[in-house]
Amino acid sequence: MNRFFRGALLSLLAWAVCGCTYVPINRNPHADDPLAPVAVDLPRYMGRWFVIANVPMVDERDYVASCAVWTLRDDGRIEDAVMGRKHGFNQPETGTVFIAKPEQGPRNSVWRVRPIWPFEFIVMTVYVDPDYEYTVRATPDKDFVWILARRPEMSVAVYQSLLERLDLMGFDTSRFNKVVQFPEQIGQPGFHDVR
């Protein structure tokens, strides 16, 4: 398992065991409002999604060309592959495959991910557009969130509309940074620093 995913896993374990992961105070007036998952058509939702922006877990900031690849298994669970290139585009794509279990019911958008038994965390879909071109996934506590798209770019108008939607849901949108998907984005304002 590479350092990116080992770091993310260790962060999740510390968070689960200690409950003491530092997260800045969310000053959004809707911060305490519970998140409502939206329904998703699982077969349509599967495939490659590029991470456009996020409030990342631990070591995600050091990755470029980050994406998630979801594959529906015959047993109803989902292969959740997290991929990226550490420190630059000249590095190989690496990743880890987690197994996610969608909660029972018609929504299919709340997934229980178990990186190592007995620990698990919940990630839910809080938005998907009607054409399944953009989606937002988040943890119920709003500490971690990912804006994803089918293509590695997103228009400024769509990105701003998603931030406005997330602000109304109670997310601290000042914590979002864009993920570098193209070499010319390295070092640009609003993007994660790539080290």
C-alpha atoms as a PDB file:
ATOM      1  CA  MET A   1       0.000   0.000   0.000  1.00  0.00           C
ATOM      2  CA  ASN A   2       1.603   3.315  -0.966  1.00  0.00           C
ATOM      3  CA  ARG A   3       2.148   6.219   1.422  1.00  0.00           C
ATOM      4  CA  PHE A   4      -0.854   8.223   0.172  1.00  0.00           C
ATOM      5  CA  PHE A   5      -3.335   5.552   1.108  1.00  0.00           C
ATOM      6  CA  ARG A   6      -1.450   4.472   4.211  1.00  0.00           C
ATOM      7  CA  GLY A   7      -1.603   8.102   5.395  1.00  0.00           C
ATOM      8  CA  ALA A   8      -5.310   8.369   4.626  1.00  0.00           C
ATOM      9  CA  LEU A   9      -5.938   5.088   6.374  1.00  0.00           C
ATOM     10  CA  LEU A  10      -3.952   6.115   9.462  1.00  0.00           C
ATOM     11  CA  SER A  11      -5.868   9.388   9.580  1.00  0.00           C
ATOM     12  CA  LEU A  12      -9.178   7.542   9.465  1.00  0.00           C
ATOM     13  CA  LEU A  13      -8.057   5.126  12.159  1.00  0.00           C
ATOM     14  CA  ALA A  14      -6.915   7.943  14.442  1.00  0.00           C
ATOM     15  CA  TRP A  15     -10.188   9.757  13.818  1.00  0.00           C
ATOM     16  CA  ALA A  16     -12.219   6.637  14.555  1.00  0.00           C
ATOM     17  CA  VAL A  17     -10.267   5.600  17.627  1.00  0.00           C
ATOM     18  CA  CYS A  18      -9.541   8.959  19.217  1.00  0.00           C
ATOM     19  CA  GLY A  19     -12.098  11.278  17.723  1.00  0.00           C
ATOM     20  CA  CYS A  20      -9.402  13.921  17.915  1.00  0.00           C
ATOM     21  CA  THR A  21      -8.537  14.720  14.295  1.00  0.00           C
ATOM     22  CA  TYR A  22      -8.109  18.475  14.062  1.00  0.00           C
ATOM     23  CA  VAL A  23     -10.670  20.097  11.833  1.00  0.00           C
ATOM     24  CA  PRO A  24     -11.142  23.865  11.819  1.00  0.00           C
ATOM     25  CA  ILE A  25     -14.393  25.104  13.316  1.00  0.00           C
ATOM     26  CA  ASN A  26     -17.118  25.305  10.692  1.00  0.00           C
ATOM     27  CA  ARG A  27     -18.656  28.762  11.065  1.00  0.00           C
ATOM     28  CA  ASN A  28     -21.333  28.196   8.433  1.00  0.00           C
ATOM     29  CA  PRO A  29     -24.748  28.996  10.011  1.00  0.00           C
ATOM     30  CA  HIS A  30     -26.042  25.662   8.625  1.00  0.00           C
ATOM     31  CA  ALA A  31     -23.055  23.645   9.900  1.00  0.00           C
ATOM     32  CA  ASP A  32     -25.194  21.609  12.294  1.00  0.00           C
ATOM     33  CA  ASP A  33     -27.923  20.837   9.752  1.00  0.00           C
ATOM     34  CA  PRO A  34     -27.854  17.113   8.906  1.00  0.00           C
ATOM     35  CA  LEU A  35     -26.905  16.130   5.384  1.00  0.00           C
ATOM     36  CA  ALA A  36     -29.558  14.522   3.222  1.00  0.00           C
ATOM     37  CA  PRO A  37     -28.299  11.897   0.780  1.00  0.00           C
ATOM     38  CA  VAL A  38     -29.769  11.952  -2.716  1.00  0.00           C
ATOM     39  CA  ALA A  39     -30.878   8.893  -4.649  1.00  0.00           C
ATOM     40  CA  VAL A  40     -28.505   7.500  -7.266  1.00  0.00           C
ATOM     41  CA  ASP A  41     -28.896   4.952 -10.024  1.00  0.00           C
ATOM     42  CA  LEU A  42     -25.938   2.728  -9.117  1.00  0.00           C
ATOM     43  CA  PRO A  43     -25.207   1.294 -12.590  1.00  0.00           C
ATOM     44  CA  ARG A  44     -25.300   4.799 -14.054  1.00  0.00           C
ATOM     45  CA  TYR A  45     -23.157   6.142 -11.195  1.00  0.00           C
ATOM     46  CA  MET A  46     -20.324   3.671 -11.775  1.00  0.00           C
ATOM     47  CA  GLY A  47     -17.180   4.496 -13.731  1.00  0.00           C
ATOM     48  CA  ARG A  48     -14.370   7.032 -13.528  1.00  0.00           C
ATOM     49  CA  TRP A  49     -14.895  10.332 -11.711  1.00  0.00           C
ATOM     50  CA  PHE A  50     -12.180  13.003 -11.607  1.00  0.00           C
ATOM     51  CA  VAL A  51     -11.660  14.876  -8.327  1.00  0.00           C
ATOM     52  CA  ILE A  52     -12.150  18.549  -9.197  1.00  0.00           C
ATOM     53  CA  ALA A  53     -11.946  19.936  -5.652  1.00  0.00           C
ATOM     54  CA  ASN A  54     -12.011  18.639  -2.122  1.00  0.00           C
ATOM     55  CA  VAL A  55     -11.554  19.085   1.563  1.00  0.00           C
ATOM     56  CA  PRO A  56      -9.049  16.254   1.596  1.00  0.00           C
ATOM     57  CA  MET A  57      -8.001  13.512   3.928  1.00  0.00           C
ATOM     58  CA  VAL A  58      -4.384  13.631   5.084  1.00  0.00           C
ATOM     59  CA  ASP A  59      -2.044  13.042   2.127  1.00  0.00           C
ATOM     60  CA  GLU A  60      -4.455  13.704  -0.759  1.00  0.00           C
ATOM     61  CA  ARG A  61      -2.964  17.182  -1.266  1.00  0.00           C
ATOM     62  CA  ASP A  62       0.258  15.746  -2.706  1.00  0.00           C
ATOM     63  CA  TYR A  63      -1.516  14.034  -5.593  1.00  0.00           C
ATOM     64  CA  VAL A  64      -2.328  15.215  -9.089  1.00  0.00           C
ATOM     65  CA  ALA A  65      -4.750  13.678 -11.587  1.00  0.00           C
ATOM     66  CA  SER A  66      -6.772  12.214  -8.711  1.00  0.00           C
ATOM     67  CA  CYS A  67      -9.836  10.195  -9.544  1.00  0.00           C
ATOM     68  CA  ALA A  68     -12.204   7.576  -8.211  1.00  0.00           C
ATOM     69  CA  VAL A  69     -13.204   4.527 -10.220  1.00  0.00           C
ATOM     70  CA  TRP A  70     -16.332   2.744  -9.025  1.00  0.00           C
ATOM     71  CA  THR A  71     -17.278  -0.737 -10.177  1.00  0.00           C
ATOM     72  CA  LEU A  72     -20.483  -2.505  -9.151  1.00  0.00           C
ATOM     73  CA  ARG A  73     -19.819  -6.108  -8.120  1.00  0.00           C
ATOM     74  CA  ASP A  74     -22.142  -9.081  -8.534  1.00  0.00           C
ATOM     75  CA  ASP A  75     -22.633  -9.196  -4.745  1.00  0.00           C
ATOM     76  CA  GLY A  76     -24.043  -5.633  -4.705  1.00  0.00           C
ATOM     77  CA  ARG A  77     -20.932  -4.107  -3.159  1.00  0.00           C
ATOM     78  CA  ILE A  78     -18.754  -1.538  -4.931  1.00  0.00           C
ATOM     79  CA  GLU A  79     -15.057  -1.570  -5.734  1.00  0.00           C
ATOM     80  CA  ASP A  80     -13.983   1.963  -4.813  1.00  0.00           C
ATOM     81  CA  ALA A  81     -10.576   2.562  -6.419  1.00  0.00           C
ATOM     82  CA  VAL A  82      -8.844   5.787  -5.396  1.00  0.00           C
ATOM     83  CA  MET A  83      -6.143   6.710  -7.936  1.00  0.00           C
ATOM     84  CA  GLY A  84      -3.633   9.505  -8.472  1.00  0.00           C
ATOM     85  CA  ARG A  85      -0.044  10.500  -9.234  1.00  0.00           C
ATOM     86  CA  LYS A  86       2.095  11.435  -6.211  1.00  0.00           C
ATOM     87  CA  HIS A  87       4.043  14.709  -6.579  1.00  0.00           C
ATOM     88  CA  GLY A  88       3.603  15.140 -10.324  1.00  0.00           C
ATOM     89  CA  PHE A  89       2.487  13.987 -13.731  1.00  0.00           C
ATOM     90  CA  ASN A  90       5.782  12.202 -14.377  1.00  0.00           C
ATOM     91  CA  GLN A  91       4.947   9.698 -11.634  1.00  0.00           C
ATOM     92  CA  PRO A  92       3.030   6.450 -12.199  1.00  0.00           C
ATOM     93  CA  GLU A  93      -0.637   6.254 -11.341  1.00  0.00           C
ATOM     94  CA  THR A  94      -1.055   4.438  -8.053  1.00  0.00           C
ATOM     95  CA  GLY A  95      -4.001   3.694  -5.866  1.00  0.00           C
ATOM     96  CA  THR A  96      -5.879   1.500  -3.492  1.00  0.00           C
ATOM     97  CA  VAL A  97      -9.140  -0.372  -3.936  1.00  0.00           C
ATOM     98  CA  PHE A  98     -11.578  -0.282  -1.054  1.00  0.00           C
ATOM     99  CA  ILE A  99     -14.835  -2.224  -0.925  1.00  0.00           C
ATOM    100  CA  ALA A 100     -17.911  -0.117  -0.241  1.00  0.00           C
ATOM    101  CA  LYS A 101     -21.277  -1.467   0.828  1.00  0.00           C
ATOM    102  CA  PRO A 102     -24.294   0.657  -0.106  1.00  0.00           C
ATOM    103  CA  GLU A 103     -26.876   0.838   2.653  1.00  0.00           C
ATOM    104  CA  GLN A 104     -30.102  -0.992   1.941  1.00  0.00           C
ATOM    105  CA  GLY A 105     -32.899   1.065   0.472  1.00  0.00           C
ATOM    106  CA  PRO A 106     -33.827   2.931  -2.674  1.00  0.00           C
ATOM    107  CA  ARG A 107     -31.220   5.710  -2.455  1.00  0.00           C
ATOM    108  CA  ASN A 108     -28.003   3.657  -2.896  1.00  0.00           C
ATOM    109  CA  SER A 109     -26.004   6.759  -2.010  1.00  0.00           C
ATOM    110  CA  VAL A 110     -24.779   6.044   1.535  1.00  0.00           C
ATOM    111  CA  TRP A 111     -21.747   3.775   1.370  1.00  0.00           C
ATOM    112  CA  ARG A 112     -19.990   2.091   4.272  1.00  0.00           C
ATOM    113  CA  VAL A 113     -16.316   1.759   3.481  1.00  0.00           C
ATOM    114  CA  ARG A 114     -14.199  -0.562   5.605  1.00  0.00           C
ATOM    115  CA  PRO A 115     -10.464   0.044   5.050  1.00  0.00           C
ATOM    116  CA  ILE A 116      -9.478  -2.420   7.808  1.00  0.00           C
ATOM    117  CA  TRP A 117     -11.753  -4.411  10.079  1.00  0.00           C
ATOM    118  CA  PRO A 118     -13.332  -3.301  12.427  1.00  0.00           C
ATOM    119  CA  PHE A 119     -13.054   0.315  11.278  1.00  0.00           C
ATOM    120  CA  GLU A 120     -15.404   1.790   8.732  1.00  0.00           C
ATOM    121  CA  PHE A 121     -16.494   5.201   7.640  1.00  0.00           C
ATOM    122  CA  ILE A 122     -19.529   6.508   5.833  1.00  0.00           C
ATOM    123  CA  VAL A 123     -19.468   8.510   2.617  1.00  0.00           C
ATOM    124  CA  MET A 124     -22.695   9.770   1.084  1.00  0.00           C
ATOM    125  CA  THR A 125     -23.752  11.353  -2.161  1.00  0.00           C
ATOM    126  CA  VAL A 126     -25.248  14.748  -1.381  1.00  0.00           C
ATOM    127  CA  TYR A 127     -25.636  15.874  -4.988  1.00  0.00           C
ATOM    128  CA  VAL A 128     -25.612  14.407  -8.491  1.00  0.00           C
ATOM    129  CA  ASP A 129     -26.771  16.343 -11.548  1.00  0.00           C
ATOM    130  CA  PRO A 130     -29.516  14.835 -13.746  1.00  0.00           C
ATOM    131  CA  ASP A 131     -27.016  13.901 -16.489  1.00  0.00           C
ATOM    132  CA  TYR A 132     -24.588  12.248 -14.047  1.00  0.00           C
ATOM    133  CA  GLU A 133     -21.787  14.584 -15.118  1.00  0.00           C
ATOM    134  CA  TYR A 134     -21.094  16.070 -11.649  1.00  0.00           C
ATOM    135  CA  THR A 135     -21.456  14.730  -8.143  1.00  0.00           C
ATOM    136  CA  VAL A 136     -20.563  15.617  -4.571  1.00  0.00           C
ATOM    137  CA  ARG A 137     -19.616  13.013  -1.953  1.00  0.00           C
ATOM    138  CA  ALA A 138     -19.077  13.811   1.727  1.00  0.00           C
ATOM    139  CA  THR A 139     -18.761  12.366   5.197  1.00  0.00           C
ATOM    140  CA  PRO A 140     -21.863  13.015   7.346  1.00  0.00           C
ATOM    141  CA  ASP A 141     -19.916  15.324   9.706  1.00  0.00           C
ATOM    142  CA  LYS A 142     -18.971  17.563   6.718  1.00  0.00           C
ATOM    143  CA  ASP A 143     -15.267  17.280   7.552  1.00  0.00           C
ATOM    144  CA  PHE A 144     -14.322  15.697   4.212  1.00  0.00           C
ATOM    145  CA  VAL A 145     -15.935  16.341   0.844  1.00  0.00           C
ATOM    146  CA  TRP A 146     -15.173  15.730  -2.819  1.00  0.00           C
ATOM    147  CA  ILE A 147     -16.510  17.486  -5.935  1.00  0.00           C
ATOM    148  CA  LEU A 148     -16.202  15.054  -8.841  1.00  0.00           C
ATOM    149  CA  ALA A 149     -16.835  15.180 -12.578  1.00  0.00           C
ATOM    150  CA  ARG A 150     -16.792  12.758 -15.482  1.00  0.00           C
ATOM    151  CA  ARG A 151     -14.147  14.903 -17.201  1.00  0.00           C
ATOM    152  CA  PRO A 152     -11.009  16.366 -15.590  1.00  0.00           C
ATOM    153  CA  GLU A 153     -12.210  19.937 -16.071  1.00  0.00           C
ATOM    154  CA  MET A 154     -15.214  21.907 -14.863  1.00  0.00           C
ATOM    155  CA  SER A 155     -16.441  25.318 -15.929  1.00  0.00           C
ATOM    156  CA  VAL A 156     -16.164  28.184 -13.460  1.00  0.00           C
ATOM    157  CA  ALA A 157     -19.961  28.595 -13.541  1.00  0.00           C
ATOM    158  CA  VAL A 158     -20.643  24.951 -12.630  1.00  0.00           C
ATOM    159  CA  TYR A 159     -17.967  24.991  -9.914  1.00  0.00           C
ATOM    160  CA  GLN A 160     -19.387  28.170  -8.361  1.00  0.00           C
ATOM    161  CA  SER A 161     -22.925  26.776  -8.461  1.00  0.00           C
ATOM    162  CA  LEU A 162     -21.750  23.657  -6.626  1.00  0.00           C
ATOM    163  CA  LEU A 163     -19.966  25.751  -3.988  1.00  0.00           C
ATOM    164  CA  GLU A 164     -23.155  27.784  -3.484  1.00  0.00           C
ATOM    165  CA  ARG A 165     -25.162  24.570  -3.112  1.00  0.00           C
ATOM    166  CA  LEU A 166     -22.618  23.230  -0.589  1.00  0.00           C
ATOM    167  CA  ASP A 167     -22.682  26.499   1.351  1.00  0.00           C
ATOM    168  CA  LEU A 168     -26.456  26.126   1.763  1.00  0.00           C
ATOM    169  CA  MET A 169     -25.897  22.562   3.023  1.00  0.00           C
ATOM    170  CA  GLY A 170     -23.613  23.886   5.750  1.00  0.00           C
ATOM    171  CA  PHE A 171     -20.143  23.166   4.383  1.00  0.00           C
ATOM    172  CA  ASP A 172     -17.252  25.514   5.096  1.00  0.00           C
ATOM    173  CA  THR A 173     -16.504  26.285   1.444  1.00  0.00           C
ATOM    174  CA  SER A 174     -13.418  28.321   2.398  1.00  0.00           C
ATOM    175  CA  ARG A 175     -11.678  24.980   3.075  1.00  0.00           C
ATOM    176  CA  PHE A 176     -12.089  23.749  -0.530  1.00  0.00           C
ATOM    177  CA  ASN A 177      -9.127  23.654  -2.885  1.00  0.00           C
ATOM    178  CA  LYS A 178      -9.066  22.484  -6.468  1.00  0.00           C
ATOM    179  CA  VAL A 179      -7.165  19.351  -7.392  1.00  0.00           C
ATOM    180  CA  VAL A 180      -4.499  19.663 -10.092  1.00  0.00           C
ATOM    181  CA  GLN A 181      -5.654  17.717 -13.147  1.00  0.00           C
ATOM    182  CA  PHE A 182      -3.364  19.377 -15.744  1.00  0.00           C
ATOM    183  CA  PRO A 183       0.322  20.387 -15.484  1.00  0.00           C
ATOM    184  CA  GLU A 184      -0.409  24.074 -16.096  1.00  0.00           C
ATOM    185  CA  GLN A 185      -2.536  24.179 -12.907  1.00  0.00           C
ATOM    186  CA  ILE A 186       0.452  23.476 -10.629  1.00  0.00           C
ATOM    187  CA  GLY A 187       1.116  26.525  -8.454  1.00  0.00           C
ATOM    188  CA  GLN A 188      -2.039  28.333  -9.541  1.00  0.00           C
ATOM    189  CA  PRO A 189      -4.164  30.120  -6.898  1.00  0.00           C
ATOM    190  CA  GLY A 190      -6.988  28.012  -5.486  1.00  0.00           C
ATOM    191  CA  PHE A 191      -5.257  24.685  -6.177  1.00  0.00           C
ATOM    192  CA  HIS A 192      -3.600  22.348  -3.698  1.00  0.00           C
ATOM    193  CA  ASP A 193       0.169  22.780  -3.411  1.00  0.00           C
ATOM    194  CA  VAL A 194       1.902  19.817  -4.982  1.00  0.00           C
ATOM    195  CA  ARG A 195       5.129  18.905  -3.183  1.00  0.00           C
END
